[in-house]
N, C-alpha and C. Protein backbone atom coordinates (compact mmCIF):
# COMPACT_ATOMS: atom_id res chain seq x y z
N MET A 1 -12.43 -0.10 9.18
CA MET A 1 -11.36 -0.64 8.30
C MET A 1 -11.95 -1.85 7.63
N ASP A 2 -11.79 -2.05 6.35
CA ASP A 2 -12.24 -3.18 5.62
C ASP A 2 -11.08 -4.14 5.45
N TYR A 3 -10.90 -5.06 6.40
CA TYR A 3 -9.72 -5.96 6.44
C TYR A 3 -9.84 -7.01 5.22
N LYS A 4 -11.03 -7.35 4.91
CA LYS A 4 -11.18 -8.42 3.80
C LYS A 4 -10.76 -7.75 2.47
N ASP A 5 -11.16 -6.60 2.25
CA ASP A 5 -10.74 -5.90 0.95
C ASP A 5 -9.23 -5.64 0.96
N PHE A 6 -8.65 -5.19 2.12
CA PHE A 6 -7.23 -5.02 2.27
C PHE A 6 -6.53 -6.36 1.89
N GLY A 7 -6.91 -7.43 2.50
CA GLY A 7 -6.30 -8.73 2.26
C GLY A 7 -6.53 -9.18 0.86
N SER A 8 -7.64 -8.93 0.35
CA SER A 8 -7.98 -9.36 -1.09
C SER A 8 -7.03 -8.66 -2.11
N ARG A 9 -6.72 -7.38 -1.77
CA ARG A 9 -5.90 -6.61 -2.72
C ARG A 9 -4.43 -7.12 -2.61
N ILE A 10 -4.02 -7.43 -1.42
CA ILE A 10 -2.68 -8.05 -1.29
C ILE A 10 -2.53 -9.28 -2.10
N ARG A 11 -3.57 -10.15 -1.89
CA ARG A 11 -3.61 -11.48 -2.59
C ARG A 11 -3.54 -11.26 -4.05
N SER A 12 -4.39 -10.37 -4.60
CA SER A 12 -4.47 -10.15 -6.02
C SER A 12 -3.14 -9.58 -6.56
N VAL A 13 -2.45 -8.69 -5.91
CA VAL A 13 -1.20 -8.18 -6.38
C VAL A 13 -0.13 -9.33 -6.29
N ARG A 14 -0.08 -10.01 -5.17
CA ARG A 14 0.82 -11.16 -4.96
C ARG A 14 0.75 -12.16 -6.12
N ARG A 15 -0.49 -12.54 -6.43
CA ARG A 15 -0.66 -13.48 -7.54
C ARG A 15 -0.35 -12.98 -8.89
N HIS A 16 -0.63 -11.68 -9.04
CA HIS A 16 -0.32 -11.00 -10.35
C HIS A 16 1.20 -11.05 -10.58
N GLN A 17 1.98 -10.92 -9.47
CA GLN A 17 3.39 -10.93 -9.50
C GLN A 17 4.00 -12.34 -9.42
N SER A 18 3.13 -13.35 -9.53
CA SER A 18 3.50 -14.77 -9.40
C SER A 18 4.32 -15.10 -8.12
N LEU A 19 3.98 -14.51 -6.98
CA LEU A 19 4.64 -14.80 -5.73
C LEU A 19 3.73 -15.71 -4.88
N THR A 20 4.34 -16.65 -4.25
CA THR A 20 3.67 -17.50 -3.33
C THR A 20 3.52 -16.79 -1.98
N GLN A 21 2.63 -17.18 -1.13
CA GLN A 21 2.52 -16.64 0.11
C GLN A 21 3.84 -16.83 0.93
N GLU A 22 4.46 -17.93 0.74
CA GLU A 22 5.71 -18.21 1.47
C GLU A 22 6.83 -17.23 1.06
N THR A 23 6.91 -16.99 -0.26
CA THR A 23 7.98 -16.09 -0.72
C THR A 23 7.71 -14.68 -0.27
N LEU A 24 6.52 -14.15 -0.46
CA LEU A 24 6.23 -12.79 0.03
C LEU A 24 6.43 -12.71 1.50
N ALA A 25 5.91 -13.66 2.34
CA ALA A 25 6.01 -13.60 3.72
C ALA A 25 7.55 -13.47 4.13
N GLU A 26 8.33 -14.30 3.55
CA GLU A 26 9.69 -14.32 3.88
C GLU A 26 10.35 -12.93 3.58
N ARG A 27 10.03 -12.39 2.44
CA ARG A 27 10.58 -11.07 2.05
C ARG A 27 10.10 -9.89 2.97
N VAL A 28 8.89 -10.11 3.48
CA VAL A 28 8.36 -9.08 4.35
C VAL A 28 8.81 -9.32 5.87
N GLY A 29 9.13 -10.55 6.13
CA GLY A 29 9.54 -10.83 7.51
C GLY A 29 8.46 -11.26 8.44
N ILE A 30 7.54 -11.90 7.85
CA ILE A 30 6.37 -12.54 8.64
C ILE A 30 6.21 -13.97 8.27
N SER A 31 5.39 -14.67 8.98
CA SER A 31 5.16 -16.02 8.65
C SER A 31 4.08 -16.16 7.50
N ALA A 32 4.17 -17.24 6.79
CA ALA A 32 3.17 -17.50 5.63
C ALA A 32 1.81 -17.62 6.23
N SER A 33 1.78 -18.21 7.41
CA SER A 33 0.41 -18.36 8.11
C SER A 33 -0.15 -17.07 8.36
N PHE A 34 0.65 -16.17 8.92
CA PHE A 34 0.14 -14.78 9.24
C PHE A 34 -0.22 -14.09 7.98
N LEU A 35 0.55 -14.17 6.87
CA LEU A 35 0.08 -13.54 5.64
C LEU A 35 -1.23 -14.11 5.15
N GLY A 36 -1.36 -15.36 5.30
CA GLY A 36 -2.64 -15.98 4.94
C GLY A 36 -3.77 -15.39 5.70
N HIS A 37 -3.63 -15.14 6.95
CA HIS A 37 -4.70 -14.50 7.79
C HIS A 37 -4.93 -13.19 7.33
N ILE A 38 -3.84 -12.36 7.03
CA ILE A 38 -4.00 -10.99 6.52
C ILE A 38 -4.80 -10.95 5.29
N GLU A 39 -4.47 -11.96 4.35
CA GLU A 39 -5.19 -11.96 3.00
C GLU A 39 -6.62 -12.36 3.23
N ARG A 40 -6.97 -13.12 4.24
CA ARG A 40 -8.32 -13.46 4.52
C ARG A 40 -9.12 -12.44 5.32
N GLY A 41 -8.32 -11.43 5.82
CA GLY A 41 -8.97 -10.44 6.72
C GLY A 41 -9.24 -10.85 8.08
N THR A 42 -8.62 -11.94 8.62
CA THR A 42 -8.92 -12.45 9.96
C THR A 42 -7.78 -11.92 10.95
N ARG A 43 -6.73 -11.27 10.48
CA ARG A 43 -5.70 -10.74 11.34
C ARG A 43 -5.39 -9.33 10.79
N VAL A 44 -4.81 -8.48 11.69
CA VAL A 44 -4.53 -7.14 11.37
C VAL A 44 -3.00 -7.01 11.19
N ALA A 45 -2.62 -6.40 10.04
CA ALA A 45 -1.22 -6.09 9.86
C ALA A 45 -0.73 -4.92 10.56
N SER A 46 0.48 -4.89 11.21
CA SER A 46 0.97 -3.71 11.83
C SER A 46 1.40 -2.68 10.69
N LEU A 47 1.67 -1.45 11.23
CA LEU A 47 2.09 -0.37 10.28
C LEU A 47 3.37 -0.81 9.57
N GLU A 48 4.25 -1.39 10.37
CA GLU A 48 5.56 -1.94 9.78
C GLU A 48 5.33 -2.94 8.65
N THR A 49 4.39 -3.79 8.93
CA THR A 49 4.04 -4.89 7.92
C THR A 49 3.40 -4.29 6.78
N LEU A 50 2.52 -3.27 6.93
CA LEU A 50 1.92 -2.61 5.83
C LEU A 50 2.94 -1.93 4.92
N VAL A 51 3.90 -1.25 5.59
CA VAL A 51 4.93 -0.60 4.75
C VAL A 51 5.78 -1.62 3.99
N ALA A 52 6.15 -2.68 4.73
CA ALA A 52 6.98 -3.73 4.13
C ALA A 52 6.18 -4.33 2.88
N LEU A 53 4.93 -4.62 3.04
CA LEU A 53 4.14 -5.18 1.98
C LEU A 53 4.08 -4.23 0.78
N CYS A 54 3.86 -2.95 1.10
CA CYS A 54 3.82 -1.96 -0.06
C CYS A 54 5.12 -1.88 -0.72
N ASN A 55 6.22 -1.84 0.02
CA ASN A 55 7.54 -1.86 -0.53
C ASN A 55 7.81 -3.05 -1.43
N GLU A 56 7.51 -4.15 -0.90
CA GLU A 56 7.83 -5.49 -1.64
C GLU A 56 6.92 -5.63 -2.86
N LEU A 57 5.73 -5.23 -2.78
CA LEU A 57 4.66 -5.36 -3.85
C LEU A 57 4.69 -4.23 -4.78
N ASN A 58 5.44 -3.14 -4.40
CA ASN A 58 5.51 -1.95 -5.21
C ASN A 58 4.14 -1.36 -5.46
N VAL A 59 3.40 -1.19 -4.42
CA VAL A 59 2.12 -0.51 -4.50
C VAL A 59 1.93 0.53 -3.43
N ALA A 60 1.16 1.51 -3.65
CA ALA A 60 0.97 2.52 -2.80
C ALA A 60 0.07 2.14 -1.54
N PRO A 61 0.23 2.53 -0.35
CA PRO A 61 -0.70 2.19 0.69
C PRO A 61 -2.12 2.45 0.41
N GLU A 62 -2.31 3.56 -0.33
CA GLU A 62 -3.72 3.94 -0.67
C GLU A 62 -4.39 2.87 -1.51
N TYR A 63 -3.62 2.13 -2.33
CA TYR A 63 -4.25 1.08 -3.12
C TYR A 63 -4.75 -0.03 -2.20
N LEU A 64 -3.89 -0.48 -1.20
CA LEU A 64 -4.31 -1.47 -0.30
C LEU A 64 -5.47 -1.08 0.67
N LEU A 65 -5.45 0.18 0.96
CA LEU A 65 -6.47 0.68 1.97
C LEU A 65 -7.62 1.25 1.34
N ARG A 66 -7.77 1.26 -0.02
CA ARG A 66 -8.76 1.99 -0.72
C ARG A 66 -10.24 1.86 -0.26
N ALA A 67 -10.63 0.74 0.16
CA ALA A 67 -12.03 0.54 0.63
C ALA A 67 -12.31 1.25 1.98
N SER A 68 -11.19 1.62 2.69
CA SER A 68 -11.37 2.20 4.02
C SER A 68 -11.14 3.71 3.97
N LEU A 69 -10.66 4.17 2.94
CA LEU A 69 -10.40 5.66 2.80
C LEU A 69 -11.52 6.38 2.07
N THR A 70 -11.74 7.62 2.48
CA THR A 70 -12.76 8.43 1.78
C THR A 70 -12.08 9.74 1.33
N GLY A 71 -12.26 10.12 0.14
CA GLY A 71 -11.90 11.37 -0.37
C GLY A 71 -10.29 11.49 -0.62
N TYR A 72 -9.63 10.43 -0.53
CA TYR A 72 -8.13 10.51 -0.61
C TYR A 72 -7.66 10.76 -2.01
N ASN A 73 -8.47 10.46 -3.00
CA ASN A 73 -8.06 10.59 -4.39
C ASN A 73 -8.78 11.69 -5.06
N GLN A 74 -9.33 12.64 -4.27
CA GLN A 74 -10.25 13.64 -4.80
C GLN A 74 -9.67 14.45 -5.90
N TYR A 75 -8.36 14.78 -5.84
CA TYR A 75 -7.72 15.74 -6.75
C TYR A 75 -6.76 15.07 -7.67
N MET A 76 -6.58 13.70 -7.66
CA MET A 76 -5.60 12.97 -8.44
C MET A 76 -6.19 12.70 -9.81
N PRO A 77 -5.41 13.03 -10.84
CA PRO A 77 -5.95 12.72 -12.23
C PRO A 77 -6.25 11.20 -12.39
N GLU A 78 -7.24 10.94 -13.18
CA GLU A 78 -7.61 9.55 -13.47
C GLU A 78 -6.56 8.95 -14.41
N GLY A 79 -6.44 7.61 -14.34
CA GLY A 79 -5.66 6.96 -15.34
C GLY A 79 -4.24 6.72 -14.85
N LEU A 80 -3.85 7.18 -13.73
CA LEU A 80 -2.40 7.05 -13.32
C LEU A 80 -2.27 5.78 -12.61
N SER A 81 -1.03 5.17 -12.77
CA SER A 81 -0.80 3.98 -12.05
C SER A 81 -0.58 4.40 -10.59
N ASP A 82 -0.72 3.36 -9.60
CA ASP A 82 -0.49 3.65 -8.24
C ASP A 82 0.89 4.16 -7.97
N GLN A 83 1.92 3.59 -8.72
CA GLN A 83 3.26 4.08 -8.48
C GLN A 83 3.42 5.59 -8.92
N THR A 84 2.79 5.93 -10.00
CA THR A 84 2.88 7.37 -10.44
C THR A 84 2.12 8.26 -9.46
N LYS A 85 1.01 7.80 -8.89
CA LYS A 85 0.36 8.56 -7.93
C LYS A 85 1.14 8.76 -6.73
N THR A 86 1.87 7.74 -6.26
CA THR A 86 2.73 7.81 -5.13
C THR A 86 3.83 8.79 -5.32
N LYS A 87 4.42 8.73 -6.54
CA LYS A 87 5.50 9.72 -6.91
C LYS A 87 4.98 11.22 -6.93
N LEU A 88 3.77 11.34 -7.52
CA LEU A 88 3.16 12.70 -7.59
C LEU A 88 2.89 13.18 -6.27
N ARG A 89 2.39 12.40 -5.29
CA ARG A 89 2.18 12.87 -3.94
C ARG A 89 3.40 13.26 -3.29
N GLU A 90 4.43 12.56 -3.47
CA GLU A 90 5.76 12.85 -2.86
C GLU A 90 6.32 14.17 -3.50
N LEU A 91 6.16 14.36 -4.75
CA LEU A 91 6.63 15.62 -5.37
C LEU A 91 5.82 16.75 -4.88
N LEU A 92 4.50 16.62 -4.60
CA LEU A 92 3.68 17.68 -4.12
C LEU A 92 4.07 18.01 -2.70
N ARG A 93 4.38 16.98 -1.91
CA ARG A 93 4.70 17.11 -0.53
C ARG A 93 6.09 18.00 -0.44
N LEU A 94 7.03 17.51 -1.29
CA LEU A 94 8.31 18.24 -1.34
C LEU A 94 8.16 19.72 -1.76
N ALA A 95 7.28 19.94 -2.74
CA ALA A 95 7.04 21.29 -3.20
C ALA A 95 6.38 22.12 -2.07
N GLN A 96 5.49 21.56 -1.36
CA GLN A 96 4.73 22.27 -0.33
C GLN A 96 5.82 22.58 0.77
N GLU A 97 6.63 21.67 1.13
CA GLU A 97 7.71 21.84 2.15
C GLU A 97 8.67 22.92 1.72
N THR A 98 8.98 23.00 0.42
CA THR A 98 9.94 23.99 -0.15
C THR A 98 9.26 25.39 -0.06
N VAL A 99 7.99 25.47 -0.44
CA VAL A 99 7.33 26.75 -0.40
C VAL A 99 7.18 27.22 0.97
N THR A 100 6.87 26.36 1.99
CA THR A 100 6.80 26.68 3.30
C THR A 100 8.00 27.30 3.95
N ASN A 101 9.15 26.62 3.56
CA ASN A 101 10.48 27.11 4.07
C ASN A 101 11.08 28.11 3.31
N TRP A 102 10.43 28.66 2.20
CA TRP A 102 11.04 29.63 1.28
C TRP A 102 11.50 30.92 2.03
N ASP A 103 10.59 31.42 2.88
CA ASP A 103 10.86 32.68 3.57
C ASP A 103 11.74 32.58 4.77
N GLU A 104 12.14 31.43 5.11
CA GLU A 104 13.00 31.28 6.34
C GLU A 104 14.50 31.57 6.09
C-alpha cells in the first residue's frame, strides 16, 4: 500500500475544493491531526474513514488508492471523470446482479 500517494491525493483534492484540514476532518469525524498524518502517509485510515473521505470529497476509492491497485481500470474508457467511472461500475454491478437473478 502506498500511503504517501494515498495521502497526497487526499491533500490535492481537499485543496482543490478549498477545504482546510480542520473542515474536512470535522466533516469526516476525525481529528485534524489525524488527517494531517493520513495526508503525510504516516498513519493508516480505517475502511470507515476511507469511505467517509470518498463521500465527503466526492471521489472514487479507486482514485485515492490508484498507486496501490493493479489492473483495476483495465476495461474502463479513458477520459471519464472519477465520479462517472464510479457510476458506471455501479451500473455494471446492478446489470450483472439482474442477469444473474434473471432465471430465478
